[in-house]
Structures are given as structure tokens and as C-alpha cells.
């Protein structure tokens, strides 16, 4: 007769558990390595709409254009400045979204033009914020500035402006932008 060896159930379960645990850890390690390699080789974001955008290889010099939309004032002056900033930020984000698509273009001329427009937009934002911050430091309660290549528009939260205040605003705008004084428009809004 064959003698059967009786092993306790715990040893068998323990042995199988160790095999399963080692196998599971090995599988996780392999999947982790494959995942890291796939993440490194794939682009970080893919937007299907990008593939369907037409790219014209014959680009004209000024094909990328931005439109400025002015915000109509509300009855309350404080609301006007808040709404103006919100609308301005929305337009900036839309412009950046359009430019980022062109920055990913394979057409070098489109890419170069988009880079130039991105830098112009960044410079515009920086100069507007600098004017607004400097004027707030000078004591104005609220200010919005629009900086363009040939002119600057500044709206100040005040019932009216004295000649000294106008001179102060002009000085800040000229220092920040280099635009001539006669190309600076200043308005008071209460």
C-alpha cells in the first residue's frame, strides 16, 4: 500500500499564497515598466479636433489677427471693472488656445508666426498689469489698461480726474509702454 503523507492545510495554503503573491508583484512590476515606457513615448495630450484643423502652408505675413471686444459699462462702476477683467481674461484664454494649436503645427512658418503672436500677447499682458499695479500703488482705487502697439487706453475708477492725476497716469503709461502722450486715452468711470 501506498502511504499517504498528510500535510497540514496551513502549509499548503501558505505555500500557494506565497506563489500568488510573488506572481502578483512580478505582474505589477512588469505592467509598471510598460506603462512608464508608453507614457514616455506618447504625447501628453491628444485632441482629436487638432487633426482636422486645416493648415495652410502658404501663410501670409499677417494671417493671425486678434479682435478686441470692448465691454459696455454697467450702472455700477465696480461691476464695470470686474466685468471688464473677466471678459479680457476670457479673450486672452481664447487667443492662447488658438495660438497653442498653431505652436504645435508642423508648418514652420505657422509655428514662427504663432510664437511671435504669443510673445506679443505676453508682453501686452505684462504691460497692462504693470500699469494697473503702478497706478493702484499711486493711490487709484481701481484701474484697467489696454495696451496696443500705437495707443494706450486707461480707465480709472473715479468721479473725475485732476490735471495732476492725469499727468501721473500719463507718466506711468509712457514709462511702461513708450507710447507718446497724445496716443494715451484716459477716462474716469464711477
N, C-alpha and C. Protein backbone atom coordinates (compact mmCIF):
# COMPACT_ATOMS: atom_id res chain seq x y z
N UNK A 1 0.79 -1.17 0.00
CA UNK A 1 0.00 0.00 0.00
C UNK A 1 0.85 1.25 0.00
N UNK A 2 0.30 2.19 -0.64
CA UNK A 2 1.00 3.45 -0.69
C UNK A 2 0.65 4.24 0.55
N UNK A 3 1.64 4.76 1.07
CA UNK A 3 1.45 5.54 2.25
C UNK A 3 1.22 7.00 1.86
N UNK A 4 0.17 7.51 2.29
CA UNK A 4 -0.15 8.91 2.01
C UNK A 4 0.43 9.80 3.08
N UNK A 5 1.03 10.88 2.61
CA UNK A 5 1.58 11.83 3.55
C UNK A 5 0.53 12.91 3.77
N UNK A 6 0.23 13.12 4.96
CA UNK A 6 -0.74 14.16 5.31
C UNK A 6 0.01 15.41 5.74
N UNK A 7 -0.26 16.47 4.97
CA UNK A 7 0.32 17.76 5.35
C UNK A 7 -0.78 18.64 5.89
N UNK A 8 -0.41 19.46 6.81
CA UNK A 8 -1.43 20.36 7.33
C UNK A 8 -1.87 21.35 6.24
N UNK A 9 -3.11 21.70 6.27
CA UNK A 9 -3.70 22.60 5.27
C UNK A 9 -2.99 23.96 5.28
N UNK A 10 -2.58 24.43 6.39
CA UNK A 10 -1.94 25.73 6.50
C UNK A 10 -0.66 25.84 5.68
N UNK A 11 0.12 24.79 5.65
CA UNK A 11 1.36 24.82 4.87
C UNK A 11 1.06 24.90 3.38
N UNK A 12 0.06 24.17 2.94
CA UNK A 12 -0.29 24.18 1.52
C UNK A 12 -0.82 25.56 1.13
N UNK A 13 -1.75 26.09 1.92
CA UNK A 13 -2.31 27.40 1.62
C UNK A 13 -1.21 28.45 1.69
N UNK A 14 -0.37 28.39 2.69
CA UNK A 14 0.71 29.35 2.84
C UNK A 14 1.66 29.32 1.65
N UNK A 15 1.96 28.12 1.16
CA UNK A 15 2.87 27.97 0.03
C UNK A 15 2.24 28.56 -1.24
N UNK A 16 0.98 28.23 -1.46
CA UNK A 16 0.30 28.76 -2.64
C UNK A 16 0.13 30.27 -2.55
N UNK A 17 -0.12 30.79 -1.39
CA UNK A 17 -0.26 32.23 -1.21
C UNK A 17 1.04 32.95 -1.56
N UNK A 18 2.17 32.36 -1.14
CA UNK A 18 3.44 32.97 -1.48
C UNK A 18 3.68 32.98 -2.98
N UNK A 19 3.32 31.92 -3.67
CA UNK A 19 3.47 31.85 -5.12
C UNK A 19 2.60 32.91 -5.78
N UNK A 20 1.36 33.01 -5.32
CA UNK A 20 0.45 34.03 -5.89
C UNK A 20 0.96 35.44 -5.61
N UNK A 21 1.43 35.68 -4.42
CA UNK A 21 1.94 37.00 -4.06
C UNK A 21 3.15 37.38 -4.90
N UNK A 22 4.09 36.47 -5.07
CA UNK A 22 5.27 36.74 -5.89
C UNK A 22 4.87 36.96 -7.34
N UNK A 23 3.95 36.16 -7.84
CA UNK A 23 3.46 36.33 -9.21
C UNK A 23 2.77 37.67 -9.40
N UNK A 24 1.96 38.06 -8.42
CA UNK A 24 1.24 39.35 -8.50
C UNK A 24 2.21 40.53 -8.48
N UNK A 25 3.21 40.47 -7.61
CA UNK A 25 4.21 41.55 -7.53
C UNK A 25 4.98 41.63 -8.85
N UNK A 26 5.33 40.49 -9.42
CA UNK A 26 6.03 40.47 -10.71
C UNK A 26 5.19 41.08 -11.82
N UNK A 27 3.90 40.75 -11.85
CA UNK A 27 2.98 41.28 -12.86
C UNK A 27 2.84 42.80 -12.71
N UNK A 28 2.71 43.28 -11.49
CA UNK A 28 2.60 44.72 -11.24
C UNK A 28 3.87 45.43 -11.69
N UNK A 29 5.02 44.85 -11.42
CA UNK A 29 6.29 45.45 -11.83
C UNK A 29 6.40 45.52 -13.35
N UNK A 30 6.03 44.45 -14.03
CA UNK A 30 6.09 44.43 -15.50
C UNK A 30 5.13 45.46 -16.08
N UNK A 31 3.89 45.50 -15.57
CA UNK A 31 2.93 46.48 -16.06
C UNK A 31 3.38 47.91 -15.76
N UNK A 32 4.00 48.13 -14.62
CA UNK A 32 4.51 49.46 -14.28
C UNK A 32 5.61 49.89 -15.24
N UNK A 33 6.51 49.00 -15.57
CA UNK A 33 7.59 49.32 -16.51
C UNK A 33 7.02 49.60 -17.89
N UNK A 34 6.09 48.77 -18.35
CA UNK A 34 5.45 49.01 -19.65
C UNK A 34 4.69 50.33 -19.67
N UNK A 35 4.00 50.62 -18.59
CA UNK A 35 3.25 51.88 -18.51
C UNK A 35 4.16 53.09 -18.59
N UNK A 36 5.28 53.06 -17.89
CA UNK A 36 6.24 54.16 -17.92
C UNK A 36 6.83 54.34 -19.32
N UNK A 37 7.13 53.23 -20.00
CA UNK A 37 7.66 53.32 -21.36
C UNK A 37 6.61 53.90 -22.32
N UNK A 38 5.36 53.50 -22.17
CA UNK A 38 4.29 54.03 -23.02
C UNK A 38 4.06 55.50 -22.76
N UNK A 39 4.09 55.92 -21.49
CA UNK A 39 3.88 57.33 -21.16
C UNK A 39 5.00 58.19 -21.72
N UNK A 40 6.22 57.67 -21.73
CA UNK A 40 7.35 58.44 -22.23
C UNK A 40 7.31 58.57 -23.75
N UNK A 41 6.78 57.55 -24.42
CA UNK A 41 6.78 57.57 -25.89
C UNK A 41 5.56 58.26 -26.49
N UNK A 42 4.47 58.39 -25.77
CA UNK A 42 3.25 59.01 -26.28
C UNK A 42 3.23 60.49 -25.96
N UNK A 43 2.62 61.31 -26.84
CA UNK A 43 2.45 62.72 -26.49
C UNK A 43 1.53 62.84 -25.28
N UNK A 44 1.71 63.90 -24.49
CA UNK A 44 0.97 64.04 -23.24
C UNK A 44 -0.51 64.30 -23.45
N UNK A 45 -0.85 65.00 -24.49
CA UNK A 45 -2.27 65.30 -24.72
C UNK A 45 -2.55 65.16 -26.21
N UNK A 46 -3.66 64.54 -26.50
CA UNK A 46 -4.08 64.42 -27.89
C UNK A 46 -5.50 64.93 -27.99
N UNK A 47 -5.67 65.93 -28.81
CA UNK A 47 -7.00 66.49 -29.02
C UNK A 47 -7.42 66.10 -30.43
N UNK A 48 -8.45 65.27 -30.58
CA UNK A 48 -8.84 64.82 -31.91
C UNK A 48 -9.15 65.95 -32.87
N UNK A 49 -9.66 67.09 -32.36
CA UNK A 49 -10.00 68.19 -33.25
C UNK A 49 -8.76 68.77 -33.92
N UNK A 50 -7.60 68.61 -33.30
CA UNK A 50 -6.37 69.15 -33.88
C UNK A 50 -6.09 68.52 -35.24
N UNK A 51 -6.35 67.26 -35.36
CA UNK A 51 -6.03 66.57 -36.59
C UNK A 51 -6.86 67.08 -37.76
N UNK A 52 -8.05 67.61 -37.49
CA UNK A 52 -8.91 68.04 -38.58
C UNK A 52 -8.76 69.52 -38.91
N UNK A 53 -7.89 70.24 -38.19
CA UNK A 53 -7.71 71.65 -38.49
C UNK A 53 -6.88 71.82 -39.75
N UNK A 54 -7.35 72.62 -40.70
CA UNK A 54 -6.56 72.83 -41.91
C UNK A 54 -5.37 73.73 -41.63
N UNK A 55 -4.25 73.38 -42.16
CA UNK A 55 -3.05 74.19 -42.02
C UNK A 55 -2.60 74.58 -43.41
N UNK A 56 -2.55 75.87 -43.66
CA UNK A 56 -2.18 76.38 -44.96
C UNK A 56 -0.68 76.58 -45.00
N UNK A 57 0.00 75.92 -45.91
CA UNK A 57 1.45 76.04 -45.97
C UNK A 57 1.87 77.37 -46.56
N UNK A 58 1.03 78.02 -47.33
CA UNK A 58 1.32 79.32 -47.88
C UNK A 58 0.71 80.37 -46.98
N UNK A 59 1.45 80.79 -45.98
CA UNK A 59 0.92 81.73 -44.99
C UNK A 59 1.26 83.15 -45.39
N UNK A 60 0.30 84.03 -45.25
CA UNK A 60 0.57 85.44 -45.44
C UNK A 60 1.14 85.99 -44.14
N UNK A 61 1.86 87.09 -44.22
CA UNK A 61 2.57 87.62 -43.06
C UNK A 61 1.65 87.95 -41.90
N UNK A 62 0.47 88.49 -42.16
CA UNK A 62 -0.41 88.90 -41.06
C UNK A 62 -1.70 88.10 -41.04
N UNK A 63 -1.60 86.79 -41.20
CA UNK A 63 -2.79 85.96 -41.23
C UNK A 63 -3.44 85.83 -39.84
N UNK A 64 -2.64 85.80 -38.79
CA UNK A 64 -3.18 85.68 -37.44
C UNK A 64 -3.60 87.07 -36.98
N UNK A 65 -4.86 87.25 -36.70
CA UNK A 65 -5.38 88.53 -36.27
C UNK A 65 -6.19 88.34 -34.99
N UNK A 66 -6.16 89.35 -34.13
CA UNK A 66 -6.95 89.34 -32.91
C UNK A 66 -7.92 90.50 -32.97
N UNK A 67 -9.10 90.26 -32.47
CA UNK A 67 -10.08 91.33 -32.39
C UNK A 67 -10.26 91.71 -30.94
N UNK A 68 -10.42 92.98 -30.70
CA UNK A 68 -10.62 93.47 -29.35
C UNK A 68 -12.09 93.79 -29.19
N UNK A 69 -12.68 93.24 -28.18
CA UNK A 69 -14.08 93.48 -27.91
C UNK A 69 -14.18 94.36 -26.67
N UNK A 70 -14.79 95.51 -26.80
CA UNK A 70 -14.94 96.38 -25.64
C UNK A 70 -16.16 95.97 -24.84
N UNK A 71 -16.03 96.10 -23.55
CA UNK A 71 -17.10 95.75 -22.64
C UNK A 71 -17.90 97.00 -22.33
N UNK A 72 -19.20 96.91 -22.45
CA UNK A 72 -20.06 98.05 -22.17
C UNK A 72 -20.19 98.22 -20.66
N UNK A 73 -20.12 99.44 -20.17
CA UNK A 73 -20.18 99.66 -18.72
C UNK A 73 -21.56 99.34 -18.14
N UNK A 74 -21.54 98.82 -16.94
CA UNK A 74 -22.78 98.59 -16.19
C UNK A 74 -23.12 99.86 -15.43
N UNK A 75 -24.24 99.84 -14.74
CA UNK A 75 -24.64 101.02 -13.97
C UNK A 75 -23.70 101.26 -12.79
N UNK A 76 -23.11 100.20 -12.27
CA UNK A 76 -22.21 100.33 -11.12
C UNK A 76 -20.77 100.31 -11.60
N UNK A 77 -19.96 101.27 -11.16
CA UNK A 77 -18.57 101.37 -11.59
C UNK A 77 -17.74 100.16 -11.19
N UNK A 78 -17.92 99.65 -9.97
CA UNK A 78 -17.16 98.49 -9.51
C UNK A 78 -17.43 97.28 -10.36
N UNK A 79 -18.69 97.08 -10.74
CA UNK A 79 -19.04 95.96 -11.61
C UNK A 79 -18.37 96.09 -12.97
N UNK A 80 -18.27 97.31 -13.44
CA UNK A 80 -17.64 97.55 -14.74
C UNK A 80 -16.22 97.00 -14.76
N UNK A 81 -15.43 97.30 -13.74
CA UNK A 81 -14.04 96.88 -13.70
C UNK A 81 -13.92 95.37 -13.56
N UNK A 82 -14.78 94.77 -12.75
CA UNK A 82 -14.77 93.31 -12.59
C UNK A 82 -15.16 92.64 -13.91
N UNK A 83 -16.24 93.11 -14.52
CA UNK A 83 -16.69 92.52 -15.79
C UNK A 83 -15.66 92.71 -16.89
N UNK A 84 -15.03 93.86 -16.91
CA UNK A 84 -14.01 94.15 -17.91
C UNK A 84 -12.86 93.14 -17.79
N UNK A 85 -12.39 92.94 -16.56
CA UNK A 85 -11.29 92.00 -16.35
C UNK A 85 -11.68 90.57 -16.70
N UNK A 86 -12.90 90.18 -16.35
CA UNK A 86 -13.35 88.83 -16.67
C UNK A 86 -13.41 88.61 -18.18
N UNK A 87 -13.98 89.57 -18.88
CA UNK A 87 -14.09 89.46 -20.34
C UNK A 87 -12.70 89.48 -20.98
N UNK A 88 -11.83 90.33 -20.49
CA UNK A 88 -10.46 90.41 -21.01
C UNK A 88 -9.74 89.08 -20.82
N UNK A 89 -9.87 88.48 -19.64
CA UNK A 89 -9.22 87.21 -19.37
C UNK A 89 -9.79 86.10 -20.26
N UNK A 90 -11.10 86.13 -20.49
CA UNK A 90 -11.72 85.14 -21.38
C UNK A 90 -11.16 85.27 -22.80
N UNK A 91 -11.04 86.49 -23.30
CA UNK A 91 -10.49 86.70 -24.64
C UNK A 91 -9.03 86.27 -24.72
N UNK A 92 -8.29 86.52 -23.66
CA UNK A 92 -6.89 86.10 -23.63
C UNK A 92 -6.77 84.58 -23.68
N UNK A 93 -7.60 83.90 -22.92
CA UNK A 93 -7.56 82.43 -22.91
C UNK A 93 -7.92 81.86 -24.28
N UNK A 94 -8.91 82.47 -24.94
CA UNK A 94 -9.28 82.02 -26.29
C UNK A 94 -8.13 82.24 -27.26
N UNK A 95 -7.47 83.37 -27.16
CA UNK A 95 -6.32 83.66 -28.03
C UNK A 95 -5.20 82.67 -27.77
N UNK A 96 -4.93 82.39 -26.51
CA UNK A 96 -3.87 81.44 -26.17
C UNK A 96 -4.20 80.05 -26.68
N UNK A 97 -5.46 79.66 -26.61
CA UNK A 97 -5.87 78.33 -27.10
C UNK A 97 -5.64 78.23 -28.60
N UNK A 98 -6.00 79.28 -29.34
CA UNK A 98 -5.78 79.26 -30.79
C UNK A 98 -4.29 79.22 -31.11
N UNK A 99 -3.51 79.99 -30.39
CA UNK A 99 -2.08 80.03 -30.65
C UNK A 99 -1.39 78.72 -30.27
N UNK A 100 -1.85 78.08 -29.21
CA UNK A 100 -1.20 76.83 -28.81
C UNK A 100 -1.39 75.74 -29.86
N UNK A 101 -2.51 75.78 -30.56
CA UNK A 101 -2.73 74.82 -31.66
C UNK A 101 -1.71 75.09 -32.77
N UNK A 102 -1.52 76.37 -33.10
CA UNK A 102 -0.56 76.72 -34.14
C UNK A 102 0.88 76.45 -33.71
N UNK A 103 1.16 76.57 -32.42
CA UNK A 103 2.51 76.28 -31.93
C UNK A 103 2.87 74.81 -32.12
N UNK A 104 1.86 73.94 -32.14
CA UNK A 104 2.10 72.51 -32.36
C UNK A 104 2.13 72.15 -33.84
N UNK A 105 1.96 73.12 -34.71
CA UNK A 105 1.92 72.89 -36.15
C UNK A 105 3.27 72.40 -36.65
N UNK A 106 3.21 71.61 -37.71
CA UNK A 106 4.45 71.15 -38.34
C UNK A 106 4.94 72.14 -39.39
N UNK A 107 4.11 73.10 -39.75
CA UNK A 107 4.49 74.12 -40.71
C UNK A 107 5.30 75.18 -39.96
N UNK A 108 6.57 75.30 -40.31
CA UNK A 108 7.48 76.18 -39.58
C UNK A 108 7.03 77.64 -39.62
N UNK A 109 6.50 78.10 -40.74
CA UNK A 109 6.08 79.49 -40.86
C UNK A 109 4.92 79.77 -39.91
N UNK A 110 3.97 78.83 -39.82
CA UNK A 110 2.84 78.98 -38.88
C UNK A 110 3.34 79.00 -37.45
N UNK A 111 4.26 78.11 -37.16
CA UNK A 111 4.81 78.00 -35.81
C UNK A 111 5.54 79.28 -35.42
N UNK A 112 6.35 79.82 -36.33
CA UNK A 112 7.10 81.03 -36.05
C UNK A 112 6.16 82.22 -35.84
N UNK A 113 5.13 82.30 -36.67
CA UNK A 113 4.17 83.39 -36.53
C UNK A 113 3.40 83.27 -35.22
N UNK A 114 3.03 82.06 -34.84
CA UNK A 114 2.33 81.83 -33.58
C UNK A 114 3.22 82.20 -32.39
N UNK A 115 4.51 81.87 -32.47
CA UNK A 115 5.44 82.22 -31.40
C UNK A 115 5.54 83.74 -31.25
N UNK A 116 5.59 84.43 -32.39
CA UNK A 116 5.66 85.89 -32.37
C UNK A 116 4.40 86.48 -31.73
N UNK A 117 3.23 85.98 -32.11
CA UNK A 117 1.98 86.48 -31.55
C UNK A 117 1.87 86.16 -30.06
N UNK A 118 2.36 84.98 -29.66
CA UNK A 118 2.34 84.59 -28.24
C UNK A 118 3.18 85.56 -27.43
N UNK A 119 4.37 85.90 -27.96
CA UNK A 119 5.24 86.86 -27.26
C UNK A 119 4.60 88.24 -27.20
N UNK A 120 3.94 88.66 -28.28
CA UNK A 120 3.25 89.96 -28.28
C UNK A 120 2.15 89.97 -27.23
N UNK A 121 1.37 88.88 -27.16
CA UNK A 121 0.29 88.80 -26.18
C UNK A 121 0.84 88.81 -24.75
N UNK A 122 1.93 88.08 -24.54
CA UNK A 122 2.55 88.05 -23.21
C UNK A 122 3.06 89.43 -22.82
N UNK A 123 3.67 90.12 -23.75
CA UNK A 123 4.18 91.47 -23.49
C UNK A 123 3.03 92.43 -23.20
N UNK A 124 1.95 92.32 -23.95
CA UNK A 124 0.76 93.17 -23.74
C UNK A 124 0.20 92.95 -22.34
N UNK A 125 0.04 91.70 -21.95
CA UNK A 125 -0.50 91.36 -20.63
C UNK A 125 0.41 91.93 -19.54
N UNK A 126 1.71 91.75 -19.71
CA UNK A 126 2.67 92.22 -18.71
C UNK A 126 2.60 93.73 -18.57
N UNK A 127 2.54 94.47 -19.68
CA UNK A 127 2.50 95.93 -19.62
C UNK A 127 1.18 96.43 -19.02
N UNK A 128 0.06 95.78 -19.37
CA UNK A 128 -1.24 96.18 -18.81
C UNK A 128 -1.24 95.99 -17.30
N UNK A 129 -0.76 94.84 -16.85
CA UNK A 129 -0.73 94.58 -15.41
C UNK A 129 0.21 95.53 -14.69
N UNK A 130 1.33 95.87 -15.32
CA UNK A 130 2.28 96.79 -14.70
C UNK A 130 1.65 98.18 -14.54
N UNK A 131 0.97 98.67 -15.59
CA UNK A 131 0.31 99.97 -15.49
C UNK A 131 -0.75 99.95 -14.39
N UNK A 132 -1.59 98.91 -14.39
CA UNK A 132 -2.66 98.82 -13.40
C UNK A 132 -2.09 98.79 -11.98
N UNK A 133 -1.06 97.99 -11.77
CA UNK A 133 -0.48 97.87 -10.42
C UNK A 133 0.20 99.16 -9.98
N UNK A 134 0.94 99.79 -10.88
CA UNK A 134 1.61 101.05 -10.52
C UNK A 134 0.60 102.13 -10.17
N UNK A 135 -0.48 102.21 -10.93
CA UNK A 135 -1.49 103.24 -10.63
C UNK A 135 -2.23 102.96 -9.33
N UNK A 136 -2.44 101.69 -9.01
CA UNK A 136 -3.05 101.36 -7.72
C UNK A 136 -2.12 101.72 -6.57
N UNK A 137 -0.83 101.50 -6.79
CA UNK A 137 0.16 101.89 -5.77
C UNK A 137 0.16 103.40 -5.59
N UNK A 138 -0.08 104.15 -6.66
CA UNK A 138 -0.10 105.61 -6.61
C UNK A 138 -1.38 106.14 -5.95
N UNK A 139 -2.32 105.25 -5.60
CA UNK A 139 -3.50 105.67 -4.86
C UNK A 139 -4.83 105.56 -5.58
N UNK A 140 -4.84 105.10 -6.81
CA UNK A 140 -6.11 104.94 -7.51
C UNK A 140 -6.79 103.66 -7.04
N UNK A 141 -8.10 103.75 -6.83
CA UNK A 141 -8.83 102.62 -6.26
C UNK A 141 -8.87 101.44 -7.22
N UNK A 142 -9.19 101.68 -8.49
CA UNK A 142 -9.23 100.61 -9.48
C UNK A 142 -8.90 101.17 -10.85
N UNK A 143 -8.27 100.36 -11.67
CA UNK A 143 -7.80 100.79 -12.98
C UNK A 143 -7.83 99.60 -13.93
N UNK A 144 -8.18 99.85 -15.19
CA UNK A 144 -7.96 98.86 -16.25
C UNK A 144 -7.21 99.55 -17.37
N UNK A 145 -6.29 98.83 -17.97
CA UNK A 145 -5.49 99.39 -19.06
C UNK A 145 -5.54 98.45 -20.24
N UNK A 146 -5.59 99.03 -21.44
CA UNK A 146 -5.48 98.28 -22.68
C UNK A 146 -4.29 98.85 -23.43
N UNK A 147 -3.31 98.02 -23.68
CA UNK A 147 -2.09 98.46 -24.35
C UNK A 147 -2.06 97.88 -25.76
N UNK A 148 -1.91 98.76 -26.73
CA UNK A 148 -1.77 98.36 -28.12
C UNK A 148 -0.45 98.90 -28.63
N UNK A 149 -0.06 98.53 -29.83
CA UNK A 149 1.25 98.96 -30.34
C UNK A 149 1.32 100.47 -30.54
N UNK A 150 0.21 101.11 -30.92
CA UNK A 150 0.22 102.54 -31.23
C UNK A 150 -0.48 103.42 -30.20
N UNK A 151 -1.29 102.83 -29.32
CA UNK A 151 -2.00 103.65 -28.35
C UNK A 151 -2.31 102.85 -27.07
N UNK A 152 -2.66 103.60 -26.04
CA UNK A 152 -2.99 103.01 -24.74
C UNK A 152 -4.29 103.64 -24.26
N UNK A 153 -5.18 102.81 -23.73
CA UNK A 153 -6.41 103.29 -23.13
C UNK A 153 -6.41 102.90 -21.66
N UNK A 154 -6.67 103.89 -20.80
CA UNK A 154 -6.69 103.64 -19.35
C UNK A 154 -8.00 104.18 -18.80
N UNK A 155 -8.68 103.34 -18.01
CA UNK A 155 -9.94 103.73 -17.38
C UNK A 155 -9.73 103.63 -15.87
N UNK A 156 -10.01 104.73 -15.19
CA UNK A 156 -9.77 104.83 -13.75
C UNK A 156 -11.10 104.93 -13.02
N UNK A 157 -11.20 104.24 -11.89
CA UNK A 157 -12.40 104.30 -11.07
C UNK A 157 -12.33 105.58 -10.23
N UNK A 158 -13.01 106.62 -10.71
CA UNK A 158 -13.02 107.92 -10.03
C UNK A 158 -14.15 108.77 -10.63
N UNK A 159 -14.73 109.68 -9.84
CA UNK A 159 -15.78 110.54 -10.40
C UNK A 159 -15.22 111.51 -11.43
N UNK A 160 -13.99 111.98 -11.20
CA UNK A 160 -13.31 112.86 -12.15
C UNK A 160 -11.82 112.82 -11.83
N UNK A 161 -11.02 113.37 -12.74
CA UNK A 161 -9.58 113.36 -12.55
C UNK A 161 -9.04 114.79 -12.59
N UNK A 162 -8.13 115.07 -11.70
CA UNK A 162 -7.48 116.38 -11.68
C UNK A 162 -6.36 116.39 -12.72
N UNK A 163 -5.90 117.56 -13.12
CA UNK A 163 -4.76 117.62 -14.05
C UNK A 163 -3.52 116.89 -13.51
N UNK A 164 -3.30 116.98 -12.20
CA UNK A 164 -2.16 116.26 -11.60
C UNK A 164 -2.32 114.75 -11.77
N UNK A 165 -3.54 114.23 -11.52
CA UNK A 165 -3.79 112.79 -11.67
C UNK A 165 -3.61 112.35 -13.12
N UNK A 166 -4.09 113.15 -14.05
CA UNK A 166 -3.93 112.83 -15.48
C UNK A 166 -2.45 112.79 -15.84
N UNK A 167 -1.70 113.75 -15.34
CA UNK A 167 -0.26 113.79 -15.60
C UNK A 167 0.44 112.56 -15.01
N UNK A 168 0.03 112.17 -13.82
CA UNK A 168 0.59 110.99 -13.16
C UNK A 168 0.30 109.73 -13.99
N UNK A 169 -0.94 109.58 -14.46
CA UNK A 169 -1.34 108.42 -15.27
C UNK A 169 -0.54 108.40 -16.58
N UNK A 170 -0.43 109.56 -17.22
CA UNK A 170 0.33 109.64 -18.47
C UNK A 170 1.79 109.25 -18.25
N UNK A 171 2.36 109.72 -17.16
CA UNK A 171 3.76 109.42 -16.86
C UNK A 171 3.97 107.91 -16.72
N UNK A 172 3.09 107.25 -15.98
CA UNK A 172 3.19 105.80 -15.80
C UNK A 172 3.05 105.09 -17.13
N UNK A 173 2.05 105.48 -17.94
CA UNK A 173 1.81 104.82 -19.23
C UNK A 173 3.00 105.00 -20.18
N UNK A 174 3.56 106.20 -20.22
CA UNK A 174 4.71 106.45 -21.10
C UNK A 174 5.92 105.63 -20.65
N UNK A 175 6.16 105.60 -19.35
CA UNK A 175 7.30 104.83 -18.82
C UNK A 175 7.18 103.34 -19.14
N UNK A 176 5.98 102.79 -18.99
CA UNK A 176 5.80 101.35 -19.18
C UNK A 176 5.77 100.96 -20.66
N UNK A 177 5.12 101.79 -21.50
CA UNK A 177 4.89 101.39 -22.89
C UNK A 177 5.76 102.11 -23.91
N UNK A 178 6.19 103.32 -23.60
CA UNK A 178 6.94 104.10 -24.58
C UNK A 178 6.06 104.79 -25.60
N UNK A 179 4.75 104.74 -25.44
CA UNK A 179 3.80 105.39 -26.35
C UNK A 179 3.79 106.89 -26.06
N UNK A 180 3.64 107.70 -27.11
CA UNK A 180 3.60 109.15 -26.94
C UNK A 180 2.36 109.56 -26.13
N UNK A 181 2.47 110.69 -25.44
CA UNK A 181 1.38 111.17 -24.58
C UNK A 181 0.10 111.40 -25.37
N UNK A 182 0.20 111.89 -26.59
CA UNK A 182 -1.01 112.17 -27.37
C UNK A 182 -1.71 110.90 -27.85
N UNK A 183 -1.09 109.73 -27.64
CA UNK A 183 -1.70 108.45 -28.01
C UNK A 183 -2.25 107.70 -26.78
N UNK A 184 -2.34 108.41 -25.67
CA UNK A 184 -2.86 107.81 -24.43
C UNK A 184 -4.25 108.40 -24.15
N UNK A 185 -5.23 107.52 -24.05
CA UNK A 185 -6.59 107.93 -23.73
C UNK A 185 -6.89 107.57 -22.29
N UNK A 186 -7.32 108.57 -21.52
CA UNK A 186 -7.61 108.35 -20.09
C UNK A 186 -9.07 108.71 -19.84
N UNK A 187 -9.78 107.82 -19.16
CA UNK A 187 -11.19 108.07 -18.82
C UNK A 187 -11.40 107.80 -17.35
N UNK A 188 -12.36 108.51 -16.77
CA UNK A 188 -12.77 108.28 -15.38
C UNK A 188 -14.13 107.61 -15.42
N UNK A 189 -14.31 106.63 -14.58
CA UNK A 189 -15.58 105.89 -14.50
C UNK A 189 -15.96 105.72 -13.05
N UNK A 190 -17.12 106.12 -12.68
CA UNK A 190 -17.59 105.96 -11.31
C UNK A 190 -18.80 105.07 -11.29
